[in-house]
Amino acid sequence: MRSMTQNVDPSMMMRFGGGGGGFSLDNMPESTTQKMLLYFDENSTVLTIDPFAEESSASNNSGNRMNIRGGAGGGARGGNFGGGRGGAMQMNVVGGAPRGRVNNNSKVFYQDLKKGTSNVQLEIDEKYIISDSLNNITWRFTDEYREIAGFECRRVNGSTPDSLYLVAFYTDQIPVSAGPALSSGLPGMILGLAIPEMHIQYWATKVDYTNDTTPNDWKDKKASAITLDDFVKSFGRIFQRGRDSNTARRQIQEQLIY
């Protein structure tokens, strides 16, 4: 944004409040942080904005924080999941969806880990539930490790079919192959996820265990069900930003999902 405004006519900037105490890049934070909850069990996950957390911003903030409350009767650290029990992850996200409870029409991400499908509930001109298969992410393991929320996590580098680069840190101490932003496919839970191209990061801050399964009240009954392919056909032009039609799917994924 700074490079774009260097060659702008000062009189044009004045129209938008620049120099008059209005719009100023110097007053804009470099990043914002949102707290989110990722509910999970061995069959599914639900990601939503934490309804009880205040949104914050900080100029020196480097990314998101993510608290994870998972269920396994207290035995998840040893990989002892069973009985269909689950829990939830609480995380902070740079950017994100409108805030709200799981069942009050907020933006929600759902993964069915058994069927390999996903749903994203959001509102544009009306409410939609967009269905698709889970991203087939190609992961490359590294020998880098770091501790996140008290868990030893291993770094892996990933690439989506649309060539979006991801960096993830997962732990096999929580044996659920899932994570934030519809990420999955690793032998454990993703506690840290970075999408460098989009300047987005997710970091777990806390893990609590419960015997609760993933909540199933997240769907808005008034939302229209649509597949991602049909959504791309209907709304692709809006998200292409002048690019060729082959990028419409990725543009929608970037702007609506991540």
C-alpha atoms as a PDB file:
ATOM      1  CA  MET A   1       0.000   0.000   0.000  1.00  0.00           C
ATOM      2  CA  ARG A   2       2.895   2.356   0.734  1.00  0.00           C
ATOM      3  CA  SER A   3       4.462   1.782  -2.684  1.00  0.00           C
ATOM      4  CA  MET A   4       1.089   2.315  -4.365  1.00  0.00           C
ATOM      5  CA  THR A   5       0.575   5.698  -2.682  1.00  0.00           C
ATOM      6  CA  GLN A   6       4.056   7.059  -3.410  1.00  0.00           C
ATOM      7  CA  ASN A   7       3.069   8.187  -6.909  1.00  0.00           C
ATOM      8  CA  VAL A   8      -0.451   9.302  -6.063  1.00  0.00           C
ATOM      9  CA  ASP A   9      -1.399  12.968  -6.504  1.00  0.00           C
ATOM     10  CA  PRO A  10      -1.503  14.558  -2.998  1.00  0.00           C
ATOM     11  CA  SER A  11      -4.837  16.167  -3.845  1.00  0.00           C
ATOM     12  CA  MET A  12      -6.275  12.705  -4.436  1.00  0.00           C
ATOM     13  CA  MET A  13      -5.043  11.576  -1.031  1.00  0.00           C
ATOM     14  CA  MET A  14      -6.742  14.572   0.562  1.00  0.00           C
ATOM     15  CA  ARG A  15     -10.080  13.377  -0.845  1.00  0.00           C
ATOM     16  CA  PHE A  16      -9.673  10.159   1.084  1.00  0.00           C
ATOM     17  CA  GLY A  17      -8.736  11.902   4.311  1.00  0.00           C
ATOM     18  CA  GLY A  18      -4.972  11.626   3.967  1.00  0.00           C
ATOM     19  CA  GLY A  19      -3.140  14.469   5.708  1.00  0.00           C
ATOM     20  CA  GLY A  20      -6.265  15.661   7.461  1.00  0.00           C
ATOM     21  CA  GLY A  21      -6.293  13.259  10.381  1.00  0.00           C
ATOM     22  CA  GLY A  22      -8.340  10.739   8.410  1.00  0.00           C
ATOM     23  CA  PHE A  23      -6.876   7.852   6.449  1.00  0.00           C
ATOM     24  CA  SER A  24      -3.210   7.317   7.262  1.00  0.00           C
ATOM     25  CA  LEU A  25      -1.035   4.290   6.630  1.00  0.00           C
ATOM     26  CA  ASP A  26       0.959   5.203   9.717  1.00  0.00           C
ATOM     27  CA  ASN A  27      -2.148   4.633  11.847  1.00  0.00           C
ATOM     28  CA  MET A  28      -2.909   1.224  10.357  1.00  0.00           C
ATOM     29  CA  PRO A  29      -1.791  -1.858  12.312  1.00  0.00           C
ATOM     30  CA  GLU A  30       0.495  -4.254  10.486  1.00  0.00           C
ATOM     31  CA  SER A  31      -1.725  -7.139  11.512  1.00  0.00           C
ATOM     32  CA  THR A  32      -4.867  -8.011  13.437  1.00  0.00           C
ATOM     33  CA  THR A  33      -5.626 -11.000  15.640  1.00  0.00           C
ATOM     34  CA  GLN A  34      -8.858 -12.919  16.186  1.00  0.00           C
ATOM     35  CA  LYS A  35      -9.526 -15.728  18.614  1.00  0.00           C
ATOM     36  CA  MET A  36     -11.167 -18.804  17.133  1.00  0.00           C
ATOM     37  CA  LEU A  37     -12.368 -22.178  18.365  1.00  0.00           C
ATOM     38  CA  LEU A  38     -11.655 -25.445  16.586  1.00  0.00           C
ATOM     39  CA  TYR A  39     -13.878 -28.180  17.955  1.00  0.00           C
ATOM     40  CA  PHE A  40     -12.719 -31.667  17.056  1.00  0.00           C
ATOM     41  CA  ASP A  41     -13.152 -35.343  17.631  1.00  0.00           C
ATOM     42  CA  GLU A  42     -11.846 -38.335  15.698  1.00  0.00           C
ATOM     43  CA  ASN A  43     -14.563 -37.937  13.042  1.00  0.00           C
ATOM     44  CA  SER A  44     -14.901 -34.208  12.344  1.00  0.00           C
ATOM     45  CA  THR A  45     -13.890 -30.619  13.135  1.00  0.00           C
ATOM     46  CA  VAL A  46     -15.762 -27.309  13.367  1.00  0.00           C
ATOM     47  CA  LEU A  47     -13.895 -23.974  13.239  1.00  0.00           C
ATOM     48  CA  THR A  48     -15.636 -20.755  14.278  1.00  0.00           C
ATOM     49  CA  ILE A  49     -14.912 -17.373  15.816  1.00  0.00           C
ATOM     50  CA  ASP A  50     -14.713 -17.473  19.614  1.00  0.00           C
ATOM     51  CA  PRO A  51     -17.906 -15.599  20.666  1.00  0.00           C
ATOM     52  CA  PHE A  52     -16.506 -14.641  24.054  1.00  0.00           C
ATOM     53  CA  ALA A  53     -13.211 -13.161  22.895  1.00  0.00           C
ATOM     54  CA  GLU A  54     -12.544  -9.548  22.031  1.00  0.00           C
ATOM     55  CA  GLU A  55     -10.907  -8.862  18.690  1.00  0.00           C
ATOM     56  CA  SER A  56      -7.540  -7.190  19.055  1.00  0.00           C
ATOM     57  CA  SER A  57      -4.916  -5.603  16.843  1.00  0.00           C
ATOM     58  CA  ALA A  58      -1.287  -4.752  17.364  1.00  0.00           C
ATOM     59  CA  SER A  59       1.297  -3.196  15.099  1.00  0.00           C
ATOM     60  CA  ASN A  60       3.949  -5.714  16.155  1.00  0.00           C
ATOM     61  CA  ASN A  61       1.690  -8.765  16.158  1.00  0.00           C
ATOM     62  CA  SER A  62       3.245 -11.568  14.141  1.00  0.00           C
ATOM     63  CA  GLY A  63       0.225 -13.839  13.765  1.00  0.00           C
ATOM     64  CA  ASN A  64      -2.623 -15.749  15.319  1.00  0.00           C
ATOM     65  CA  ARG A  65      -3.042 -17.608  18.571  1.00  0.00           C
ATOM     66  CA  MET A  66      -5.013 -20.812  18.861  1.00  0.00           C
ATOM     67  CA  ASN A  67      -6.309 -22.482  22.014  1.00  0.00           C
ATOM     68  CA  ILE A  68      -7.226 -26.136  21.625  1.00  0.00           C
ATOM     69  CA  ARG A  69      -9.696 -27.948  23.794  1.00  0.00           C
ATOM     70  CA  GLY A  70      -9.665 -31.574  22.780  1.00  0.00           C
ATOM     71  CA  GLY A  71     -11.380 -34.622  24.155  1.00  0.00           C
ATOM     72  CA  ALA A  72     -10.007 -38.014  24.968  1.00  0.00           C
ATOM     73  CA  GLY A  73     -10.849 -38.532  28.587  1.00  0.00           C
ATOM     74  CA  GLY A  74      -7.540 -36.965  29.589  1.00  0.00           C
ATOM     75  CA  GLY A  75      -5.538 -39.495  27.583  1.00  0.00           C
ATOM     76  CA  ALA A  76      -5.022 -37.591  24.353  1.00  0.00           C
ATOM     77  CA  ARG A  77      -1.364 -36.891  24.976  1.00  0.00           C
ATOM     78  CA  GLY A  78      -0.750 -40.602  24.750  1.00  0.00           C
ATOM     79  CA  GLY A  79      -2.839 -40.910  21.606  1.00  0.00           C
ATOM     80  CA  ASN A  80      -5.663 -42.748  23.359  1.00  0.00           C
ATOM     81  CA  PHE A  81      -8.757 -41.488  21.569  1.00  0.00           C
ATOM     82  CA  GLY A  82     -11.926 -43.520  21.832  1.00  0.00           C
ATOM     83  CA  GLY A  83     -15.664 -43.622  22.379  1.00  0.00           C
ATOM     84  CA  GLY A  84     -16.313 -40.876  19.837  1.00  0.00           C
ATOM     85  CA  ARG A  85     -15.185 -38.242  22.335  1.00  0.00           C
ATOM     86  CA  GLY A  86     -13.854 -34.894  21.193  1.00  0.00           C
ATOM     87  CA  GLY A  87     -13.073 -31.334  22.163  1.00  0.00           C
ATOM     88  CA  ALA A  88     -12.220 -27.884  20.825  1.00  0.00           C
ATOM     89  CA  MET A  89      -9.326 -25.674  19.776  1.00  0.00           C
ATOM     90  CA  GLN A  90      -9.266 -21.979  20.547  1.00  0.00           C
ATOM     91  CA  MET A  91      -7.088 -19.886  18.243  1.00  0.00           C
ATOM     92  CA  ASN A  92      -6.373 -16.343  17.094  1.00  0.00           C
ATOM     93  CA  VAL A  93      -6.416 -15.484  13.379  1.00  0.00           C
ATOM     94  CA  VAL A  94      -5.096 -12.520  11.401  1.00  0.00           C
ATOM     95  CA  GLY A  95      -8.174 -11.432   9.471  1.00  0.00           C
ATOM     96  CA  GLY A  96     -11.136 -13.795   9.510  1.00  0.00           C
ATOM     97  CA  ALA A  97     -14.854 -14.218   9.615  1.00  0.00           C
ATOM     98  CA  PRO A  98     -17.633 -12.292  11.336  1.00  0.00           C
ATOM     99  CA  ARG A  99     -17.775 -13.077  15.020  1.00  0.00           C
ATOM    100  CA  GLY A 100     -20.536 -15.232  16.423  1.00  0.00           C
ATOM    101  CA  ARG A 101     -21.528 -18.400  18.205  1.00  0.00           C
ATOM    102  CA  VAL A 102     -21.316 -21.760  16.506  1.00  0.00           C
ATOM    103  CA  ASN A 103     -25.049 -21.818  15.842  1.00  0.00           C
ATOM    104  CA  ASN A 104     -25.813 -18.155  15.163  1.00  0.00           C
ATOM    105  CA  ASN A 105     -24.980 -17.863  11.459  1.00  0.00           C
ATOM    106  CA  SER A 106     -21.300 -16.916  11.791  1.00  0.00           C
ATOM    107  CA  LYS A 107     -18.719 -18.055   9.259  1.00  0.00           C
ATOM    108  CA  VAL A 108     -18.064 -21.706  10.026  1.00  0.00           C
ATOM    109  CA  PHE A 109     -15.664 -24.309   8.608  1.00  0.00           C
ATOM    110  CA  TYR A 110     -16.590 -27.999   8.908  1.00  0.00           C
ATOM    111  CA  GLN A 111     -14.501 -31.053   8.027  1.00  0.00           C
ATOM    112  CA  ASP A 112     -15.840 -34.586   7.842  1.00  0.00           C
ATOM    113  CA  LEU A 113     -12.640 -36.541   8.338  1.00  0.00           C
ATOM    114  CA  LYS A 114     -14.224 -39.904   7.608  1.00  0.00           C
ATOM    115  CA  LYS A 115     -15.902 -38.906   4.343  1.00  0.00           C
ATOM    116  CA  GLY A 116     -13.115 -36.556   3.261  1.00  0.00           C
ATOM    117  CA  THR A 117     -15.478 -33.624   2.699  1.00  0.00           C
ATOM    118  CA  SER A 118     -15.715 -30.028   3.880  1.00  0.00           C
ATOM    119  CA  ASN A 119     -18.367 -27.335   4.270  1.00  0.00           C
ATOM    120  CA  VAL A 120     -17.921 -23.579   4.614  1.00  0.00           C
ATOM    121  CA  GLN A 121     -20.899 -21.552   5.813  1.00  0.00           C
ATOM    122  CA  LEU A 122     -20.757 -17.853   4.955  1.00  0.00           C
ATOM    123  CA  GLU A 123     -22.866 -14.900   3.854  1.00  0.00           C
ATOM    124  CA  ILE A 124     -22.458 -12.852   0.675  1.00  0.00           C
ATOM    125  CA  ASP A 125     -25.741 -11.687  -0.820  1.00  0.00           C
ATOM    126  CA  GLU A 126     -27.364 -14.491   1.150  1.00  0.00           C
ATOM    127  CA  LYS A 127     -26.184 -17.351   3.328  1.00  0.00           C
ATOM    128  CA  TYR A 128     -24.483 -20.313   1.675  1.00  0.00           C
ATOM    129  CA  ILE A 129     -23.023 -23.627   2.739  1.00  0.00           C
ATOM    130  CA  ILE A 130     -20.302 -24.468   0.203  1.00  0.00           C
ATOM    131  CA  SER A 131     -19.375 -28.133   0.010  1.00  0.00           C
ATOM    132  CA  ASP A 132     -16.214 -29.636  -1.432  1.00  0.00           C
ATOM    133  CA  SER A 133     -13.781 -32.487  -0.906  1.00  0.00           C
ATOM    134  CA  LEU A 134     -10.934 -31.949   1.546  1.00  0.00           C
ATOM    135  CA  ASN A 135      -7.851 -30.350   0.043  1.00  0.00           C
ATOM    136  CA  ASN A 136      -5.376 -32.968  -1.127  1.00  0.00           C
ATOM    137  CA  ILE A 137      -2.329 -31.233   0.309  1.00  0.00           C
ATOM    138  CA  THR A 138       1.105 -32.609  -0.587  1.00  0.00           C
ATOM    139  CA  TRP A 139       3.240 -32.518   2.577  1.00  0.00           C
ATOM    140  CA  ARG A 140       7.037 -32.692   2.800  1.00  0.00           C
ATOM    141  CA  PHE A 141       8.454 -33.543   6.237  1.00  0.00           C
ATOM    142  CA  THR A 142      11.427 -31.710   7.730  1.00  0.00           C
ATOM    143  CA  ASP A 143      13.679 -32.279  10.754  1.00  0.00           C
ATOM    144  CA  GLU A 144      12.639 -28.986  12.379  1.00  0.00           C
ATOM    145  CA  TYR A 145      10.752 -29.152  15.675  1.00  0.00           C
ATOM    146  CA  ARG A 146       9.265 -26.573  18.022  1.00  0.00           C
ATOM    147  CA  GLU A 147       7.061 -26.578  21.097  1.00  0.00           C
ATOM    148  CA  ILE A 148       3.549 -25.177  20.683  1.00  0.00           C
ATOM    149  CA  ALA A 149       1.091 -25.027  23.598  1.00  0.00           C
ATOM    150  CA  GLY A 150       3.146 -27.597  25.472  1.00  0.00           C
ATOM    151  CA  PHE A 151       3.325 -30.103  22.604  1.00  0.00           C
ATOM    152  CA  GLU A 152       6.352 -31.083  20.557  1.00  0.00           C
ATOM    153  CA  CYS A 153       5.500 -30.323  16.941  1.00  0.00           C
ATOM    154  CA  ARG A 154       7.245 -31.225  13.717  1.00  0.00           C
ATOM    155  CA  ARG A 155       7.411 -28.864  10.764  1.00  0.00           C
ATOM    156  CA  VAL A 156       6.098 -29.916   7.358  1.00  0.00           C
ATOM    157  CA  ASN A 157       5.911 -27.862   4.175  1.00  0.00           C
ATOM    158  CA  GLY A 158       2.807 -28.266   2.060  1.00  0.00           C
ATOM    159  CA  SER A 159       1.383 -27.374  -1.321  1.00  0.00           C
ATOM    160  CA  THR A 160      -2.278 -27.405  -2.361  1.00  0.00           C
ATOM    161  CA  PRO A 161      -3.402 -28.557  -5.836  1.00  0.00           C
ATOM    162  CA  ASP A 162      -3.652 -24.826  -6.675  1.00  0.00           C
ATOM    163  CA  SER A 163       0.032 -24.322  -5.705  1.00  0.00           C
ATOM    164  CA  LEU A 164      -0.625 -22.438  -2.483  1.00  0.00           C
ATOM    165  CA  TYR A 165       2.385 -22.897  -0.178  1.00  0.00           C
ATOM    166  CA  LEU A 166       1.737 -23.833   3.466  1.00  0.00           C
ATOM    167  CA  VAL A 167       3.933 -24.341   6.520  1.00  0.00           C
ATOM    168  CA  ALA A 168       2.471 -26.513   9.279  1.00  0.00           C
ATOM    169  CA  PHE A 169       3.570 -27.771  12.681  1.00  0.00           C
ATOM    170  CA  TYR A 170       1.752 -30.903  13.848  1.00  0.00           C
ATOM    171  CA  THR A 171       1.867 -33.123  16.908  1.00  0.00           C
ATOM    172  CA  ASP A 172       1.228 -36.859  16.958  1.00  0.00           C
ATOM    173  CA  GLN A 173       0.302 -36.508  20.637  1.00  0.00           C
ATOM    174  CA  ILE A 174      -3.172 -35.539  19.418  1.00  0.00           C
ATOM    175  CA  PRO A 175      -3.928 -38.313  16.901  1.00  0.00           C
ATOM    176  CA  VAL A 176      -6.513 -36.448  14.810  1.00  0.00           C
ATOM    177  CA  SER A 177      -5.518 -35.679  11.212  1.00  0.00           C
ATOM    178  CA  ALA A 178      -6.887 -32.130  11.050  1.00  0.00           C
ATOM    179  CA  GLY A 179      -6.148 -28.473  11.700  1.00  0.00           C
ATOM    180  CA  PRO A 180      -7.323 -24.893  11.066  1.00  0.00           C
ATOM    181  CA  ALA A 181      -8.391 -23.484   7.674  1.00  0.00           C
ATOM    182  CA  LEU A 182      -9.534 -26.920   6.436  1.00  0.00           C
ATOM    183  CA  SER A 183      -6.002 -28.312   6.686  1.00  0.00           C
ATOM    184  CA  SER A 184      -5.533 -32.053   7.180  1.00  0.00           C
ATOM    185  CA  GLY A 185      -3.618 -35.075   5.973  1.00  0.00           C
ATOM    186  CA  LEU A 186      -0.904 -35.325   8.636  1.00  0.00           C
ATOM    187  CA  PRO A 187      -0.427 -38.014  11.323  1.00  0.00           C
ATOM    188  CA  GLY A 188      -1.640 -35.674  14.049  1.00  0.00           C
ATOM    189  CA  MET A 189      -3.230 -32.330  14.875  1.00  0.00           C
ATOM    190  CA  ILE A 190      -1.846 -29.155  13.290  1.00  0.00           C
ATOM    191  CA  LEU A 191      -1.136 -26.663  16.096  1.00  0.00           C
ATOM    192  CA  GLY A 192       0.628 -24.102  13.916  1.00  0.00           C
ATOM    193  CA  LEU A 193      -0.177 -23.125  10.330  1.00  0.00           C
ATOM    194  CA  ALA A 194       1.318 -20.343   8.212  1.00  0.00           C
ATOM    195  CA  ILE A 195       0.233 -19.239   4.745  1.00  0.00           C
ATOM    196  CA  PRO A 196       3.124 -16.929   3.750  1.00  0.00           C
ATOM    197  CA  GLU A 197       1.586 -15.650   0.520  1.00  0.00           C
ATOM    198  CA  MET A 198      -1.442 -14.389   2.434  1.00  0.00           C
ATOM    199  CA  HIS A 199       0.419 -13.280   5.587  1.00  0.00           C
ATOM    200  CA  ILE A 200      -1.809 -15.458   7.776  1.00  0.00           C
ATOM    201  CA  GLN A 201      -0.715 -17.559  10.746  1.00  0.00           C
ATOM    202  CA  TYR A 202      -2.507 -19.767  13.265  1.00  0.00           C
ATOM    203  CA  TRP A 203      -0.842 -20.705  16.552  1.00  0.00           C
ATOM    204  CA  ALA A 204      -2.287 -22.811  19.352  1.00  0.00           C
ATOM    205  CA  THR A 205      -2.028 -21.289  22.813  1.00  0.00           C
ATOM    206  CA  LYS A 206      -3.806 -23.825  25.007  1.00  0.00           C
ATOM    207  CA  VAL A 207      -5.198 -27.342  24.885  1.00  0.00           C
ATOM    208  CA  ASP A 208      -7.981 -28.484  27.213  1.00  0.00           C
ATOM    209  CA  TYR A 209      -9.525 -31.938  27.098  1.00  0.00           C
ATOM    210  CA  THR A 210     -13.201 -32.763  27.394  1.00  0.00           C
ATOM    211  CA  ASN A 211     -15.459 -35.723  26.651  1.00  0.00           C
ATOM    212  CA  ASP A 212     -17.604 -33.664  24.263  1.00  0.00           C
ATOM    213  CA  THR A 213     -17.972 -34.526  20.603  1.00  0.00           C
ATOM    214  CA  THR A 214     -17.939 -31.934  17.830  1.00  0.00           C
ATOM    215  CA  PRO A 215     -21.073 -29.709  17.997  1.00  0.00           C
ATOM    216  CA  ASN A 216     -23.609 -30.356  15.258  1.00  0.00           C
ATOM    217  CA  ASP A 217     -25.689 -27.164  15.625  1.00  0.00           C
ATOM    218  CA  TRP A 218     -23.528 -24.978  13.396  1.00  0.00           C
ATOM    219  CA  LYS A 219     -25.700 -25.066  10.250  1.00  0.00           C
ATOM    220  CA  ASP A 220     -28.070 -22.225   9.455  1.00  0.00           C
ATOM    221  CA  LYS A 221     -31.289 -23.814   8.230  1.00  0.00           C
ATOM    222  CA  LYS A 222     -31.868 -20.868   5.874  1.00  0.00           C
ATOM    223  CA  ALA A 223     -28.503 -21.253   4.132  1.00  0.00           C
ATOM    224  CA  SER A 224     -28.462 -22.452   0.525  1.00  0.00           C
ATOM    225  CA  ALA A 225     -26.390 -25.574  -0.106  1.00  0.00           C
ATOM    226  CA  ILE A 226     -24.062 -25.352  -3.113  1.00  0.00           C
ATOM    227  CA  THR A 227     -20.940 -27.161  -4.294  1.00  0.00           C
ATOM    228  CA  LEU A 228     -17.682 -25.226  -4.663  1.00  0.00           C
ATOM    229  CA  ASP A 229     -17.651 -25.915  -8.415  1.00  0.00           C
ATOM    230  CA  ASP A 230     -21.130 -24.428  -8.831  1.00  0.00           C
ATOM    231  CA  PHE A 231     -20.168 -21.522  -6.572  1.00  0.00           C
ATOM    232  CA  VAL A 232     -17.152 -20.812  -8.796  1.00  0.00           C
ATOM    233  CA  LYS A 233     -19.401 -20.800 -11.866  1.00  0.00           C
ATOM    234  CA  SER A 234     -21.849 -18.395 -10.233  1.00  0.00           C
ATOM    235  CA  PHE A 235     -19.455 -16.041  -8.442  1.00  0.00           C
ATOM    236  CA  GLY A 236     -16.069 -16.638 -10.097  1.00  0.00           C
ATOM    237  CA  ARG A 237     -16.039 -13.323 -11.962  1.00  0.00           C
ATOM    238  CA  ILE A 238     -16.359 -11.391  -8.715  1.00  0.00           C
ATOM    239  CA  PHE A 239     -13.198 -12.923  -7.265  1.00  0.00           C
ATOM    240  CA  GLN A 240     -10.982 -13.128 -10.342  1.00  0.00           C
ATOM    241  CA  ARG A 241      -9.831  -9.503 -10.099  1.00  0.00           C
ATOM    242  CA  GLY A 242      -9.059  -9.372 -13.798  1.00  0.00           C
ATOM    243  CA  ARG A 243      -7.250 -12.693 -13.935  1.00  0.00           C
ATOM    244  CA  ASP A 244      -8.022 -15.606 -16.221  1.00  0.00           C
ATOM    245  CA  SER A 245     -10.869 -17.986 -15.345  1.00  0.00           C
ATOM    246  CA  ASN A 246      -8.488 -20.755 -14.283  1.00  0.00           C
ATOM    247  CA  THR A 247      -7.622 -18.791 -11.137  1.00  0.00           C
ATOM    248  CA  ALA A 248     -11.218 -18.221 -10.011  1.00  0.00           C
ATOM    249  CA  ARG A 249     -11.302 -21.306  -7.809  1.00  0.00           C
ATOM    250  CA  ARG A 250      -8.077 -20.370  -6.046  1.00  0.00           C
ATOM    251  CA  GLN A 251      -9.179 -16.738  -5.654  1.00  0.00           C
ATOM    252  CA  ILE A 252     -12.373 -17.892  -3.956  1.00  0.00           C
ATOM    253  CA  GLN A 253     -10.476 -20.264  -1.694  1.00  0.00           C
ATOM    254  CA  GLU A 254      -8.016 -17.545  -0.717  1.00  0.00           C
ATOM    255  CA  GLN A 255     -10.573 -14.830  -0.049  1.00  0.00           C
ATOM    256  CA  LEU A 256     -13.353 -16.888   1.511  1.00  0.00           C
ATOM    257  CA  ILE A 257     -11.674 -19.889   3.133  1.00  0.00           C
ATOM    258  CA  TYR A 258      -8.230 -18.852   4.308  1.00  0.00           C
END
